[in-house]
Amino acid sequence: TRYIDNKKALLFGPFAGFSPKFLKTGSNLDLIGSVKPNNVLTMLAAGVKEMGLTKYLIQQVMLSHEKRMEELREF
């Protein structure tokens, strides 16, 4: 969230991204390692509750490099 002209605004770029790494130099297993018995239902519920966003992020992650560049040019 950012503030623009003293108004709270949520900003998005030309395409969304997702990585299981928590840090730039993290491991691809970071996300899997964060799932614990006490939070798995909460994590699944969030994904289901925001199904539109979940589907969008999956679609964006599956784009080829060429398609991402095409979307960037259109943006």
C-alpha atoms as a PDB file:
ATOM      1  CA  THR A   1       0.000   0.000   0.000  1.00  0.00           C
ATOM      2  CA  ARG A   2       1.182   3.494  -0.842  1.00  0.00           C
ATOM      3  CA  TYR A   3      -0.172   6.951  -0.132  1.00  0.00           C
ATOM      4  CA  ILE A   4      -0.706   9.217  -3.127  1.00  0.00           C
ATOM      5  CA  ASP A   5      -2.095  12.700  -2.433  1.00  0.00           C
ATOM      6  CA  ASN A   6      -2.807  11.529   1.134  1.00  0.00           C
ATOM      7  CA  LYS A   7      -5.018   8.705  -0.179  1.00  0.00           C
ATOM      8  CA  LYS A   8      -4.270   5.055   0.419  1.00  0.00           C
ATOM      9  CA  ALA A   9      -3.670   3.285  -2.924  1.00  0.00           C
ATOM     10  CA  LEU A  10      -2.750  -0.237  -3.909  1.00  0.00           C
ATOM     11  CA  LEU A  11      -0.387  -0.277  -6.878  1.00  0.00           C
ATOM     12  CA  PHE A  12       0.227  -3.032  -9.382  1.00  0.00           C
ATOM     13  CA  GLY A  13       2.727  -3.259 -12.200  1.00  0.00           C
ATOM     14  CA  PRO A  14       2.080  -4.582 -15.677  1.00  0.00           C
ATOM     15  CA  PHE A  15       2.046  -8.183 -14.484  1.00  0.00           C
ATOM     16  CA  ALA A  16       2.022 -10.008 -11.202  1.00  0.00           C
ATOM     17  CA  GLY A  17       4.653 -12.372 -10.030  1.00  0.00           C
ATOM     18  CA  PHE A  18       5.050 -15.087  -7.487  1.00  0.00           C
ATOM     19  CA  SER A  19       8.005 -16.856  -6.007  1.00  0.00           C
ATOM     20  CA  PRO A  20       8.180 -19.466  -3.273  1.00  0.00           C
ATOM     21  CA  LYS A  21      11.352 -17.721  -2.072  1.00  0.00           C
ATOM     22  CA  PHE A  22      10.902 -15.319   0.838  1.00  0.00           C
ATOM     23  CA  LEU A  23      14.116 -13.450   0.057  1.00  0.00           C
ATOM     24  CA  LYS A  24      15.826 -12.729  -3.234  1.00  0.00           C
ATOM     25  CA  THR A  25      18.547 -15.199  -2.332  1.00  0.00           C
ATOM     26  CA  GLY A  26      16.205 -17.594  -0.543  1.00  0.00           C
ATOM     27  CA  SER A  27      15.366 -21.195  -1.305  1.00  0.00           C
ATOM     28  CA  ASN A  28      12.559 -22.454  -3.539  1.00  0.00           C
ATOM     29  CA  LEU A  29      11.526 -24.495  -0.497  1.00  0.00           C
ATOM     30  CA  ASP A  30      10.880 -21.433   1.723  1.00  0.00           C
ATOM     31  CA  LEU A  31       7.111 -21.474   1.179  1.00  0.00           C
ATOM     32  CA  ILE A  32       6.790 -25.220   1.695  1.00  0.00           C
ATOM     33  CA  GLY A  33       8.867 -24.949   4.854  1.00  0.00           C
ATOM     34  CA  SER A  34       6.564 -22.259   6.221  1.00  0.00           C
ATOM     35  CA  VAL A  35       3.476 -24.486   6.085  1.00  0.00           C
ATOM     36  CA  LYS A  36       2.840 -25.909   9.531  1.00  0.00           C
ATOM     37  CA  PRO A  37      -0.051 -27.930  10.976  1.00  0.00           C
ATOM     38  CA  ASN A  38      -1.339 -24.827  12.781  1.00  0.00           C
ATOM     39  CA  ASN A  39      -1.448 -22.610   9.656  1.00  0.00           C
ATOM     40  CA  VAL A  40      -2.235 -24.907   6.727  1.00  0.00           C
ATOM     41  CA  LEU A  41      -6.011 -24.379   6.963  1.00  0.00           C
ATOM     42  CA  THR A  42      -5.600 -20.604   7.187  1.00  0.00           C
ATOM     43  CA  MET A  43      -3.345 -20.582   4.127  1.00  0.00           C
ATOM     44  CA  LEU A  44      -5.751 -22.732   2.118  1.00  0.00           C
ATOM     45  CA  ALA A  45      -8.734 -20.637   3.216  1.00  0.00           C
ATOM     46  CA  ALA A  46      -6.998 -17.453   2.064  1.00  0.00           C
ATOM     47  CA  GLY A  47      -6.330 -18.991  -1.349  1.00  0.00           C
ATOM     48  CA  VAL A  48      -9.950 -20.098  -1.688  1.00  0.00           C
ATOM     49  CA  LYS A  49     -11.382 -16.804  -0.409  1.00  0.00           C
ATOM     50  CA  GLU A  50      -9.308 -14.887  -2.953  1.00  0.00           C
ATOM     51  CA  MET A  51      -9.814 -17.410  -5.769  1.00  0.00           C
ATOM     52  CA  GLY A  52      -9.888 -14.703  -8.450  1.00  0.00           C
ATOM     53  CA  LEU A  53      -6.505 -13.402  -7.339  1.00  0.00           C
ATOM     54  CA  THR A  54      -5.167 -16.940  -6.951  1.00  0.00           C
ATOM     55  CA  LYS A  55      -6.149 -17.828 -10.523  1.00  0.00           C
ATOM     56  CA  TYR A  56      -4.719 -14.565 -11.861  1.00  0.00           C
ATOM     57  CA  LEU A  57      -1.378 -15.104 -10.130  1.00  0.00           C
ATOM     58  CA  ILE A  58      -1.143 -18.666 -11.420  1.00  0.00           C
ATOM     59  CA  GLN A  59      -1.863 -17.463 -14.968  1.00  0.00           C
ATOM     60  CA  GLN A  60       0.774 -14.746 -14.686  1.00  0.00           C
ATOM     61  CA  VAL A  61       3.416 -17.105 -13.337  1.00  0.00           C
ATOM     62  CA  MET A  62       2.814 -19.475 -16.249  1.00  0.00           C
ATOM     63  CA  LEU A  63       3.465 -16.789 -18.895  1.00  0.00           C
ATOM     64  CA  SER A  64       6.534 -17.227 -21.055  1.00  0.00           C
ATOM     65  CA  HIS A  65       9.244 -14.574 -21.005  1.00  0.00           C
ATOM     66  CA  GLU A  66       8.115 -13.444 -24.458  1.00  0.00           C
ATOM     67  CA  LYS A  67       4.488 -13.055 -23.338  1.00  0.00           C
ATOM     68  CA  ARG A  68       5.560 -11.092 -20.238  1.00  0.00           C
ATOM     69  CA  MET A  69       7.558  -8.712 -22.414  1.00  0.00           C
ATOM     70  CA  GLU A  70       4.537  -8.313 -24.698  1.00  0.00           C
ATOM     71  CA  GLU A  71       2.347  -7.401 -21.723  1.00  0.00           C
ATOM     72  CA  LEU A  72       5.005  -4.983 -20.498  1.00  0.00           C
ATOM     73  CA  ARG A  73       5.048  -3.224 -23.886  1.00  0.00           C
ATOM     74  CA  GLU A  74       1.230  -2.935 -23.837  1.00  0.00           C
ATOM     75  CA  PHE A  75       1.349  -1.509 -20.313  1.00  0.00           C
END
